[in-house]
C-alpha atoms as a PDB file:
ATOM      1  CA  MET A   1      48.494 -54.258 -76.153  1.00  0.00           C
ATOM      2  CA  ASN A   2      51.267 -51.740 -76.757  1.00  0.00           C
ATOM      3  CA  ALA A   3      52.880 -49.461 -74.229  1.00  0.00           C
ATOM      4  CA  LEU A   4      51.098 -46.334 -75.531  1.00  0.00           C
ATOM      5  CA  SER A   5      47.628 -47.791 -74.966  1.00  0.00           C
ATOM      6  CA  ILE A   6      48.595 -48.952 -71.462  1.00  0.00           C
ATOM      7  CA  ASP A   7      49.905 -45.478 -70.624  1.00  0.00           C
ATOM      8  CA  ALA A   8      46.708 -43.941 -71.988  1.00  0.00           C
ATOM      9  CA  ARG A   9      44.560 -46.205 -69.804  1.00  0.00           C
ATOM     10  CA  VAL A  10      46.663 -45.423 -66.736  1.00  0.00           C
ATOM     11  CA  ASP A  11      46.398 -41.694 -67.442  1.00  0.00           C
ATOM     12  CA  GLY A  12      42.620 -42.046 -67.869  1.00  0.00           C
ATOM     13  CA  ILE A  13      42.251 -43.888 -64.550  1.00  0.00           C
ATOM     14  CA  ALA A  14      44.392 -41.293 -62.776  1.00  0.00           C
ATOM     15  CA  ALA A  15      42.370 -38.436 -64.291  1.00  0.00           C
ATOM     16  CA  GLY A  16      39.115 -40.102 -63.223  1.00  0.00           C
ATOM     17  CA  ARG A  17      40.376 -40.442 -59.669  1.00  0.00           C
ATOM     18  CA  ARG A  18      41.425 -36.782 -59.628  1.00  0.00           C
ATOM     19  CA  ARG A  19      37.954 -35.745 -60.814  1.00  0.00           C
ATOM     20  CA  ALA A  20      36.307 -37.939 -58.169  1.00  0.00           C
ATOM     21  CA  ARG A  21      38.489 -36.407 -55.420  1.00  0.00           C
ATOM     22  CA  ALA A  22      37.705 -32.905 -56.673  1.00  0.00           C
ATOM     23  CA  LEU A  23      33.985 -33.700 -56.726  1.00  0.00           C
ATOM     24  CA  ARG A  24      34.080 -35.101 -53.164  1.00  0.00           C
ATOM     25  CA  PHE A  25      36.013 -32.024 -52.004  1.00  0.00           C
ATOM     26  CA  MET A  26      33.515 -29.642 -53.626  1.00  0.00           C
ATOM     27  CA  SER A  27      30.548 -31.582 -52.222  1.00  0.00           C
ATOM     28  CA  THR A  28      32.036 -31.561 -48.707  1.00  0.00           C
ATOM     29  CA  PHE A  29      32.825 -27.856 -48.963  1.00  0.00           C
ATOM     30  CA  LEU A  30      29.294 -27.062 -50.176  1.00  0.00           C
ATOM     31  CA  ILE A  31      27.678 -29.072 -47.356  1.00  0.00           C
ATOM     32  CA  LEU A  32      29.884 -27.373 -44.738  1.00  0.00           C
ATOM     33  CA  ALA A  33      29.091 -23.957 -46.204  1.00  0.00           C
ATOM     34  CA  VAL A  34      25.344 -24.669 -46.015  1.00  0.00           C
ATOM     35  CA  VAL A  35      25.686 -25.897 -42.413  1.00  0.00           C
ATOM     36  CA  VAL A  36      27.649 -22.807 -41.369  1.00  0.00           C
ATOM     37  CA  TRP A  37      25.157 -20.512 -43.097  1.00  0.00           C
ATOM     38  CA  SER A  38      22.244 -22.317 -41.414  1.00  0.00           C
ATOM     39  CA  ILE A  39      23.837 -21.967 -37.966  1.00  0.00           C
ATOM     40  CA  GLU A  40      24.473 -18.259 -38.540  1.00  0.00           C
ATOM     41  CA  ALA A  41      20.997 -17.533 -39.930  1.00  0.00           C
ATOM     42  CA  ILE A  42      18.921 -19.699 -37.585  1.00  0.00           C
ATOM     43  CA  VAL A  43      20.886 -19.937 -34.322  1.00  0.00           C
ATOM     44  CA  ILE A  44      23.216 -16.943 -34.077  1.00  0.00           C
ATOM     45  CA  ALA A  45      21.179 -14.221 -35.784  1.00  0.00           C
ATOM     46  CA  ASP A  46      17.791 -15.371 -34.460  1.00  0.00           C
ATOM     47  CA  THR A  47      18.716 -15.855 -30.782  1.00  0.00           C
ATOM     48  CA  ASP A  48      18.109 -13.305 -28.027  1.00  0.00           C
ATOM     49  CA  TRP A  49      21.674 -13.326 -26.687  1.00  0.00           C
ATOM     50  CA  ASN A  50      20.950 -10.427 -24.291  1.00  0.00           C
ATOM     51  CA  ARG A  51      18.412 -12.591 -22.483  1.00  0.00           C
ATOM     52  CA  ILE A  52      20.961 -15.390 -22.112  1.00  0.00           C
ATOM     53  CA  LEU A  53      23.956 -13.229 -21.166  1.00  0.00           C
ATOM     54  CA  THR A  54      22.097 -11.086 -18.616  1.00  0.00           C
ATOM     55  CA  GLY A  55      21.330 -14.129 -16.471  1.00  0.00           C
ATOM     56  CA  SER A  56      17.589 -14.379 -17.097  1.00  0.00           C
ATOM     57  CA  LEU A  57      18.105 -17.915 -18.365  1.00  0.00           C
ATOM     58  CA  LEU A  58      19.459 -18.995 -14.998  1.00  0.00           C
ATOM     59  CA  SER A  59      16.636 -17.305 -13.131  1.00  0.00           C
ATOM     60  CA  THR A  60      14.090 -19.065 -15.356  1.00  0.00           C
ATOM     61  CA  MET A  61      15.741 -22.404 -14.661  1.00  0.00           C
ATOM     62  CA  GLN A  62      15.614 -21.709 -10.941  1.00  0.00           C
ATOM     63  CA  ARG A  63      11.848 -21.122 -11.137  1.00  0.00           C
ATOM     64  CA  PHE A  64      11.421 -24.513 -12.808  1.00  0.00           C
ATOM     65  CA  LEU A  65      13.570 -26.173 -10.151  1.00  0.00           C
ATOM     66  CA  ASP A  66      11.165 -24.986  -7.449  1.00  0.00           C
ATOM     67  CA  LEU A  67       8.975 -28.074  -7.902  1.00  0.00           C
ATOM     68  CA  ASP A  68       5.294 -27.934  -7.022  1.00  0.00           C
ATOM     69  CA  TRP A  69       4.941 -31.344  -5.358  1.00  0.00           C
ATOM     70  CA  SER A  70       1.361 -30.582  -4.300  1.00  0.00           C
ATOM     71  CA  LEU A  71       0.347 -31.403  -7.862  1.00  0.00           C
ATOM     72  CA  LEU A  72       1.706 -34.962  -7.680  1.00  0.00           C
ATOM     73  CA  PRO A  73      -1.370 -36.719  -6.128  1.00  0.00           C
ATOM     74  CA  ASP A  74      -3.510 -35.361  -8.966  1.00  0.00           C
ATOM     75  CA  LEU A  75      -1.331 -36.894 -11.685  1.00  0.00           C
ATOM     76  CA  TRP A  76      -2.166 -40.581 -11.162  1.00  0.00           C
ATOM     77  CA  GLU A  77      -5.465 -40.475 -13.007  1.00  0.00           C
ATOM     78  CA  PRO A  78      -4.118 -38.498 -16.020  1.00  0.00           C
ATOM     79  CA  ALA A  79      -1.089 -40.831 -16.188  1.00  0.00           C
ATOM     80  CA  LEU A  80      -3.354 -43.889 -16.252  1.00  0.00           C
ATOM     81  CA  GLU A  81      -5.496 -42.173 -18.863  1.00  0.00           C
ATOM     82  CA  THR A  82      -2.385 -41.588 -20.965  1.00  0.00           C
ATOM     83  CA  VAL A  83      -1.431 -45.285 -20.882  1.00  0.00           C
ATOM     84  CA  LEU A  84      -4.993 -46.376 -21.702  1.00  0.00           C
ATOM     85  CA  MET A  85      -5.175 -43.873 -24.558  1.00  0.00           C
ATOM     86  CA  ALA A  86      -1.947 -45.242 -26.040  1.00  0.00           C
ATOM     87  CA  THR A  87      -3.146 -48.851 -25.704  1.00  0.00           C
ATOM     88  CA  LEU A  88      -6.575 -48.270 -27.247  1.00  0.00           C
ATOM     89  CA  ALA A  89      -5.100 -46.133 -30.026  1.00  0.00           C
ATOM     90  CA  THR A  90      -2.586 -48.854 -30.924  1.00  0.00           C
ATOM     91  CA  LEU A  91      -5.318 -51.519 -31.065  1.00  0.00           C
ATOM     92  CA  ALA A  92      -7.560 -49.261 -33.153  1.00  0.00           C
ATOM     93  CA  GLY A  93      -4.636 -48.415 -35.420  1.00  0.00           C
ATOM     94  CA  LEU A  94      -4.015 -52.135 -35.924  1.00  0.00           C
ATOM     95  CA  VAL A  95      -7.623 -52.748 -36.965  1.00  0.00           C
ATOM     96  CA  LEU A  96      -7.470 -49.848 -39.435  1.00  0.00           C
ATOM     97  CA  SER A  97      -4.055 -50.936 -40.727  1.00  0.00           C
ATOM     98  CA  ILE A  98      -5.004 -54.478 -41.777  1.00  0.00           C
ATOM     99  CA  PRO A  99      -7.071 -53.502 -44.867  1.00  0.00           C
ATOM    100  CA  VAL A 100      -4.583 -50.768 -45.762  1.00  0.00           C
ATOM    101  CA  ALA A 101      -1.685 -53.256 -45.618  1.00  0.00           C
ATOM    102  CA  TRP A 102      -3.726 -55.703 -47.710  1.00  0.00           C
ATOM    103  CA  LEU A 103      -4.176 -53.032 -50.370  1.00  0.00           C
ATOM    104  CA  GLY A 104      -0.586 -51.803 -50.145  1.00  0.00           C
ATOM    105  CA  ALA A 105       1.264 -55.152 -50.402  1.00  0.00           C
ATOM    106  CA  SER A 106       2.128 -55.660 -54.062  1.00  0.00           C
ATOM    107  CA  ASN A 107       2.044 -59.471 -53.954  1.00  0.00           C
ATOM    108  CA  ILE A 108      -1.479 -59.818 -52.496  1.00  0.00           C
ATOM    109  CA  THR A 109      -3.221 -56.542 -53.422  1.00  0.00           C
ATOM    110  CA  PRO A 110      -6.621 -57.498 -54.895  1.00  0.00           C
ATOM    111  CA  TYR A 111      -6.910 -55.143 -57.888  1.00  0.00           C
ATOM    112  CA  GLY A 112      -3.362 -54.716 -59.091  1.00  0.00           C
ATOM    113  CA  LYS A 113      -1.797 -51.284 -59.423  1.00  0.00           C
ATOM    114  CA  THR A 114      -5.035 -49.450 -58.641  1.00  0.00           C
ATOM    115  CA  SER A 115      -5.551 -50.911 -55.167  1.00  0.00           C
ATOM    116  CA  TYR A 116      -1.787 -50.823 -54.533  1.00  0.00           C
ATOM    117  CA  ALA A 117      -1.739 -47.075 -55.242  1.00  0.00           C
ATOM    118  CA  ILE A 118      -4.736 -46.526 -52.947  1.00  0.00           C
ATOM    119  CA  GLY A 119      -3.082 -48.443 -50.106  1.00  0.00           C
ATOM    120  CA  ARG A 120       0.197 -46.592 -50.455  1.00  0.00           C
ATOM    121  CA  PHE A 121      -1.623 -43.248 -50.614  1.00  0.00           C
ATOM    122  CA  LEU A 122      -3.424 -43.993 -47.336  1.00  0.00           C
ATOM    123  CA  MET A 123      -0.102 -44.942 -45.686  1.00  0.00           C
ATOM    124  CA  THR A 124       1.533 -41.733 -46.890  1.00  0.00           C
ATOM    125  CA  MET A 125      -1.387 -39.521 -45.866  1.00  0.00           C
ATOM    126  CA  SER A 126      -1.416 -40.983 -42.352  1.00  0.00           C
ATOM    127  CA  ARG A 127       2.319 -40.412 -41.869  1.00  0.00           C
ATOM    128  CA  SER A 128       2.419 -36.987 -43.517  1.00  0.00           C
ATOM    129  CA  VAL A 129      -0.081 -35.315 -41.181  1.00  0.00           C
ATOM    130  CA  HIS A 130       1.305 -34.706 -37.678  1.00  0.00           C
ATOM    131  CA  GLU A 131      -0.573 -36.152 -34.717  1.00  0.00           C
ATOM    132  CA  ILE A 132      -1.254 -32.650 -33.363  1.00  0.00           C
ATOM    133  CA  VAL A 133      -3.046 -31.777 -36.615  1.00  0.00           C
ATOM    134  CA  TRP A 134      -5.049 -35.009 -36.393  1.00  0.00           C
ATOM    135  CA  GLY A 135      -5.767 -34.086 -32.772  1.00  0.00           C
ATOM    136  CA  LEU A 136      -7.103 -30.664 -33.756  1.00  0.00           C
ATOM    137  CA  ILE A 137      -9.291 -32.276 -36.431  1.00  0.00           C
ATOM    138  CA  PHE A 138     -10.801 -34.817 -34.027  1.00  0.00           C
ATOM    139  CA  VAL A 139     -11.166 -32.301 -31.181  1.00  0.00           C
ATOM    140  CA  SER A 140     -13.242 -30.137 -33.505  1.00  0.00           C
ATOM    141  CA  ALA A 141     -15.237 -33.229 -34.551  1.00  0.00           C
ATOM    142  CA  VAL A 142     -15.904 -34.993 -31.221  1.00  0.00           C
ATOM    143  CA  GLY A 143     -14.942 -32.334 -28.665  1.00  0.00           C
ATOM    144  CA  LEU A 144     -12.312 -32.229 -25.936  1.00  0.00           C
ATOM    145  CA  GLY A 145     -11.310 -35.402 -24.148  1.00  0.00           C
ATOM    146  CA  ALA A 146      -9.546 -38.711 -24.505  1.00  0.00           C
ATOM    147  CA  LEU A 147     -11.630 -39.920 -27.474  1.00  0.00           C
ATOM    148  CA  ALA A 148     -10.176 -37.246 -29.731  1.00  0.00           C
ATOM    149  CA  GLY A 149      -6.647 -38.231 -28.719  1.00  0.00           C
ATOM    150  CA  ILE A 150      -7.318 -41.942 -29.259  1.00  0.00           C
ATOM    151  CA  LEU A 151      -8.732 -41.328 -32.745  1.00  0.00           C
ATOM    152  CA  ALA A 152      -5.835 -39.035 -33.657  1.00  0.00           C
ATOM    153  CA  MET A 153      -3.189 -41.536 -32.557  1.00  0.00           C
ATOM    154  CA  ALA A 154      -5.032 -44.424 -34.218  1.00  0.00           C
ATOM    155  CA  VAL A 155      -5.133 -42.663 -37.579  1.00  0.00           C
ATOM    156  CA  ARG A 156      -1.517 -41.567 -37.166  1.00  0.00           C
ATOM    157  CA  SER A 157      -0.491 -45.157 -36.348  1.00  0.00           C
ATOM    158  CA  VAL A 158      -1.983 -46.505 -39.578  1.00  0.00           C
ATOM    159  CA  GLY A 159       0.907 -45.187 -41.660  1.00  0.00           C
ATOM    160  CA  PHE A 160       3.616 -46.956 -39.682  1.00  0.00           C
ATOM    161  CA  ILE A 161       1.819 -50.215 -38.867  1.00  0.00           C
ATOM    162  CA  SER A 162       0.351 -50.785 -42.332  1.00  0.00           C
ATOM    163  CA  LYS A 163       3.608 -49.923 -44.092  1.00  0.00           C
ATOM    164  CA  THR A 164       5.690 -52.335 -42.009  1.00  0.00           C
ATOM    165  CA  ILE A 165       3.089 -55.107 -42.359  1.00  0.00           C
ATOM    166  CA  ALA A 166       2.849 -54.576 -46.121  1.00  0.00           C
ATOM    167  CA  GLU A 167       6.626 -54.643 -46.545  1.00  0.00           C
ATOM    168  CA  ALA A 168       6.856 -57.788 -44.398  1.00  0.00           C
ATOM    169  CA  ILE A 169       4.216 -59.437 -46.611  1.00  0.00           C
ATOM    170  CA  GLU A 170       6.155 -58.463 -49.729  1.00  0.00           C
ATOM    171  CA  ASP A 171       9.317 -60.045 -48.295  1.00  0.00           C
ATOM    172  CA  VAL A 172       7.800 -63.436 -47.382  1.00  0.00           C
ATOM    173  CA  ASP A 173       9.116 -66.655 -48.904  1.00  0.00           C
ATOM    174  CA  PRO A 174       6.870 -67.291 -51.960  1.00  0.00           C
ATOM    175  CA  LYS A 175       7.248 -71.080 -51.858  1.00  0.00           C
ATOM    176  CA  PRO A 176       4.551 -71.734 -49.184  1.00  0.00           C
ATOM    177  CA  LEU A 177       2.192 -69.428 -51.083  1.00  0.00           C
ATOM    178  CA  GLU A 178       2.777 -71.322 -54.328  1.00  0.00           C
ATOM    179  CA  ALA A 179       2.316 -74.684 -52.603  1.00  0.00           C
ATOM    180  CA  ILE A 180      -1.050 -73.746 -51.057  1.00  0.00           C
ATOM    181  CA  ARG A 181      -2.168 -72.118 -54.306  1.00  0.00           C
ATOM    182  CA  ALA A 182      -1.187 -75.263 -56.278  1.00  0.00           C
ATOM    183  CA  ALA A 183      -3.177 -77.409 -53.826  1.00  0.00           C
ATOM    184  CA  GLY A 184      -6.281 -75.338 -54.540  1.00  0.00           C
ATOM    185  CA  GLY A 185      -6.173 -73.191 -51.407  1.00  0.00           C
ATOM    186  CA  THR A 186      -8.257 -70.024 -51.164  1.00  0.00           C
ATOM    187  CA  LYS A 187      -6.817 -66.524 -50.743  1.00  0.00           C
ATOM    188  CA  PHE A 188      -7.759 -66.609 -47.066  1.00  0.00           C
ATOM    189  CA  GLN A 189      -5.944 -69.920 -46.575  1.00  0.00           C
ATOM    190  CA  ILE A 190      -2.866 -68.509 -48.312  1.00  0.00           C
ATOM    191  CA  LEU A 191      -2.986 -65.476 -46.024  1.00  0.00           C
ATOM    192  CA  TRP A 192      -3.605 -67.496 -42.847  1.00  0.00           C
ATOM    193  CA  PHE A 193      -1.273 -70.463 -43.358  1.00  0.00           C
ATOM    194  CA  ALA A 194       1.500 -69.094 -45.618  1.00  0.00           C
ATOM    195  CA  ILE A 195       1.830 -65.364 -44.946  1.00  0.00           C
ATOM    196  CA  LEU A 196       0.780 -64.824 -41.334  1.00  0.00           C
ATOM    197  CA  PRO A 197       3.274 -67.300 -39.749  1.00  0.00           C
ATOM    198  CA  GLN A 198       6.134 -65.564 -41.571  1.00  0.00           C
ATOM    199  CA  ILE A 199       5.246 -62.000 -40.543  1.00  0.00           C
ATOM    200  CA  ILE A 200       4.256 -62.585 -36.881  1.00  0.00           C
ATOM    201  CA  PRO A 201       7.699 -61.623 -35.407  1.00  0.00           C
ATOM    202  CA  VAL A 202       7.814 -58.373 -37.404  1.00  0.00           C
ATOM    203  CA  PHE A 203       4.149 -57.717 -36.701  1.00  0.00           C
ATOM    204  CA  VAL A 204       4.395 -58.154 -32.911  1.00  0.00           C
ATOM    205  CA  GLY A 205       7.646 -56.193 -32.626  1.00  0.00           C
ATOM    206  CA  ASN A 206       6.252 -53.247 -34.556  1.00  0.00           C
ATOM    207  CA  MET A 207       3.032 -53.254 -32.547  1.00  0.00           C
ATOM    208  CA  ILE A 208       4.968 -53.003 -29.293  1.00  0.00           C
ATOM    209  CA  PHE A 209       7.139 -50.257 -30.756  1.00  0.00           C
ATOM    210  CA  GLU A 210       4.065 -48.318 -31.918  1.00  0.00           C
ATOM    211  CA  TRP A 211       2.503 -48.613 -28.459  1.00  0.00           C
ATOM    212  CA  ASP A 212       5.702 -47.170 -27.011  1.00  0.00           C
ATOM    213  CA  ILE A 213       5.513 -44.276 -29.479  1.00  0.00           C
ATOM    214  CA  ASN A 214       1.846 -43.663 -28.710  1.00  0.00           C
ATOM    215  CA  ILE A 215       2.652 -43.133 -25.034  1.00  0.00           C
ATOM    216  CA  ARG A 216       4.798 -40.197 -26.124  1.00  0.00           C
ATOM    217  CA  ARG A 217       2.167 -38.985 -28.569  1.00  0.00           C
ATOM    218  CA  SER A 218      -0.576 -39.071 -25.953  1.00  0.00           C
ATOM    219  CA  THR A 219       1.342 -36.657 -23.727  1.00  0.00           C
ATOM    220  CA  ILE A 220       1.722 -34.237 -26.629  1.00  0.00           C
ATOM    221  CA  LEU A 221      -1.878 -34.507 -27.786  1.00  0.00           C
ATOM    222  CA  GLY A 222      -3.043 -33.312 -24.398  1.00  0.00           C
ATOM    223  CA  LEU A 223      -1.806 -29.881 -25.431  1.00  0.00           C
ATOM    224  CA  VAL A 224      -4.709 -29.649 -27.895  1.00  0.00           C
ATOM    225  CA  GLY A 225      -7.247 -30.776 -25.295  1.00  0.00           C
ATOM    226  CA  ALA A 226      -7.094 -34.516 -25.969  1.00  0.00           C
ATOM    227  CA  GLY A 227      -6.796 -35.577 -22.317  1.00  0.00           C
ATOM    228  CA  GLY A 228      -4.064 -37.243 -20.276  1.00  0.00           C
ATOM    229  CA  LEU A 229      -0.933 -35.698 -18.822  1.00  0.00           C
ATOM    230  CA  GLY A 230      -0.591 -33.365 -21.771  1.00  0.00           C
ATOM    231  CA  LEU A 231      -3.819 -31.597 -20.807  1.00  0.00           C
ATOM    232  CA  VAL A 232      -2.514 -31.142 -17.256  1.00  0.00           C
ATOM    233  CA  LEU A 233       0.725 -29.751 -18.694  1.00  0.00           C
ATOM    234  CA  PHE A 234      -1.221 -27.298 -20.849  1.00  0.00           C
ATOM    235  CA  ARG A 235      -3.177 -26.066 -17.819  1.00  0.00           C
ATOM    236  CA  GLN A 236      -0.003 -25.550 -15.794  1.00  0.00           C
ATOM    237  CA  MET A 237       1.500 -23.604 -18.696  1.00  0.00           C
ATOM    238  CA  ALA A 238      -1.629 -21.455 -18.919  1.00  0.00           C
ATOM    239  CA  MET A 239      -1.282 -20.646 -15.198  1.00  0.00           C
ATOM    240  CA  SER A 240       2.485 -19.973 -15.594  1.00  0.00           C
ATOM    241  CA  ASN A 241       3.114 -22.434 -12.752  1.00  0.00           C
ATOM    242  CA  ASN A 242       6.725 -23.307 -13.584  1.00  0.00           C
ATOM    243  CA  GLY A 243       7.061 -25.705 -10.661  1.00  0.00           C
ATOM    244  CA  GLY A 244       3.922 -27.535 -11.748  1.00  0.00           C
ATOM    245  CA  ILE A 245       5.190 -27.708 -15.330  1.00  0.00           C
ATOM    246  CA  ALA A 246       8.420 -29.315 -14.097  1.00  0.00           C
ATOM    247  CA  VAL A 247       6.502 -31.899 -12.043  1.00  0.00           C
ATOM    248  CA  VAL A 248       4.318 -32.841 -15.021  1.00  0.00           C
ATOM    249  CA  ILE A 249       7.413 -33.152 -17.221  1.00  0.00           C
ATOM    250  CA  LEU A 250       8.963 -35.489 -14.650  1.00  0.00           C
ATOM    251  CA  ALA A 251       5.751 -37.534 -14.636  1.00  0.00           C
ATOM    252  CA  VAL A 252       5.846 -37.745 -18.435  1.00  0.00           C
ATOM    253  CA  LEU A 253       9.488 -38.814 -18.278  1.00  0.00           C
ATOM    254  CA  SER A 254       8.656 -41.521 -15.733  1.00  0.00           C
ATOM    255  CA  LEU A 255       5.827 -42.757 -17.927  1.00  0.00           C
ATOM    256  CA  ILE A 256       8.094 -42.938 -20.976  1.00  0.00           C
ATOM    257  CA  ILE A 257      10.701 -44.886 -18.978  1.00  0.00           C
ATOM    258  CA  PHE A 258       7.923 -47.228 -17.851  1.00  0.00           C
ATOM    259  CA  GLY A 259       6.918 -47.717 -21.493  1.00  0.00           C
ATOM    260  CA  GLU A 260      10.514 -48.430 -22.487  1.00  0.00           C
ATOM    261  CA  VAL A 261      10.854 -51.105 -19.775  1.00  0.00           C
ATOM    262  CA  ILE A 262       7.542 -52.755 -20.690  1.00  0.00           C
ATOM    263  CA  SER A 263       8.321 -52.749 -24.409  1.00  0.00           C
ATOM    264  CA  TYR A 264      11.819 -54.174 -23.793  1.00  0.00           C
ATOM    265  CA  TYR A 265      10.563 -57.172 -21.839  1.00  0.00           C
ATOM    266  CA  ALA A 266       7.583 -57.643 -24.148  1.00  0.00           C
ATOM    267  CA  ARG A 267       9.892 -57.831 -27.177  1.00  0.00           C
ATOM    268  CA  LYS A 268      12.084 -60.377 -25.411  1.00  0.00           C
ATOM    269  CA  ALA A 269       9.048 -62.461 -24.532  1.00  0.00           C
ATOM    270  CA  VAL A 270       7.460 -62.644 -27.970  1.00  0.00           C
ATOM    271  CA  ILE A 271      10.346 -62.294 -30.447  1.00  0.00           C
END
């Protein structure tokens, strides 16, 4: 290779690096420009700065700090209802997720691409619709109360649980499956003895995580009349009882911390 060709290759490499640096610079500049424009359009231009600067923000905070402790004895039953709603919704979501995961796992789906597409569509539909929307649908169907919240969270949980189970099934070691299949095992035996033992850690961990999430969801779903602490919060907001709102928020926070502690020790125990 002569000196001219070497120089040409060096010049080409240097030019490519200059173009890459210029492209990174332009990309960074464009992203920063979009961020700045978003802050100006959404935060600066759309904020009532007079309300903040005149001190009304501080006075509002003071009203929330005047806690209405008389509400506290009435929160035990809604808090228990919230935990029970989350638990039942997670169990119901698991039952609904098993056939969806079976359809949506490419290596065990029964009817090829058709059933795989159906399973993945059900996962996507469950995750795409917010739990409040599901709550409104089920409240209109079964009326106000905890049942509507349980059904909404169960349907919402299908997307996460079934997707993680299906992906865990797709990632299993194929050798045990092939061995049982070669020995004449049925599809159920393959599922029970080759797939299930490999996905149990992922399965249990995700179930605990989903239960933790459903505790949060149950407090939000109360805002659409689905029971629990969220319904108490909605009533306090309707009465403009700022002290009562603050107490309910503290109760929700305590419940979420309780869920975090339980899920932490449960994960350590089973994983």
